[in-house]
Protein backbone atom coordinates (compact mmCIF):
# COMPACT_ATOMS: atom_id res chain seq x y z
CA UNK A 1 82.04 95.76 41.03
CA UNK A 2 80.17 94.13 43.90
CA UNK A 3 76.59 95.04 44.63
CA UNK A 4 76.11 96.41 48.14
CA UNK A 5 73.94 94.22 50.33
CA UNK A 6 70.73 95.72 51.57
CA UNK A 7 70.25 96.27 55.26
CA UNK A 8 67.64 93.47 55.34
CA UNK A 9 70.14 91.00 53.79
CA UNK A 10 72.82 91.97 56.31
CA UNK A 11 70.40 91.66 59.23
CA UNK A 12 69.22 88.27 57.97
CA UNK A 13 72.82 87.02 57.85
CA UNK A 14 73.42 88.24 61.41
CA UNK A 15 70.30 86.48 62.67
CA UNK A 16 71.27 83.23 60.95
CA UNK A 17 74.79 83.42 62.46
CA UNK A 18 73.33 84.00 65.94
CA UNK A 19 70.92 81.07 65.51
CA UNK A 20 73.81 78.79 64.44
CA UNK A 21 75.82 79.92 67.46
CA UNK A 22 72.86 79.25 69.76
CA UNK A 23 72.62 75.68 68.42
CA UNK A 24 76.16 74.88 69.59
CA UNK A 25 76.46 73.37 73.06
CA UNK A 26 77.57 75.81 75.72
CA UNK A 27 80.22 75.09 78.33
CA UNK A 28 78.99 75.08 81.90
CA UNK A 29 80.39 77.67 84.29
CA UNK A 30 82.50 75.08 86.13
CA UNK A 31 84.17 74.02 82.86
CA UNK A 32 84.81 77.65 81.90
CA UNK A 33 86.36 78.29 85.30
CA UNK A 34 88.54 75.19 84.89
CA UNK A 35 89.89 76.53 81.59
CA UNK A 36 90.58 79.88 83.22
CA UNK A 37 92.69 78.17 85.91
CA UNK A 38 94.77 76.43 83.21
CA UNK A 39 95.43 79.60 81.24
CA UNK A 40 98.84 81.20 81.80
CA UNK A 41 98.70 84.63 83.44
CA UNK A 42 98.52 87.51 81.01
CA UNK A 43 101.73 89.49 80.78
CA UNK A 44 101.37 93.05 79.68
CA UNK A 45 103.92 94.13 77.12
CA UNK A 46 105.01 97.75 77.04
CA UNK A 47 103.39 99.71 74.25
CA UNK A 48 105.46 99.96 71.09
CA UNK A 49 106.81 103.41 70.49
CA UNK A 50 107.02 105.03 67.11
CA UNK A 51 110.60 106.07 66.40
CA UNK A 52 110.94 108.88 63.92
CA UNK A 53 114.18 109.14 61.98
């Protein structure tokens, strides 16, 4: 059985993940917009319906 992590341990892990993410270089807005232009348009699929037998 696994021991539940305390709230302080969980919060510490979240903070360390955020700090690691902040260390990564960020894309500038112009680069982000360039990627958006290359992305294919999103096509909405009809919602799947549950068929009852």
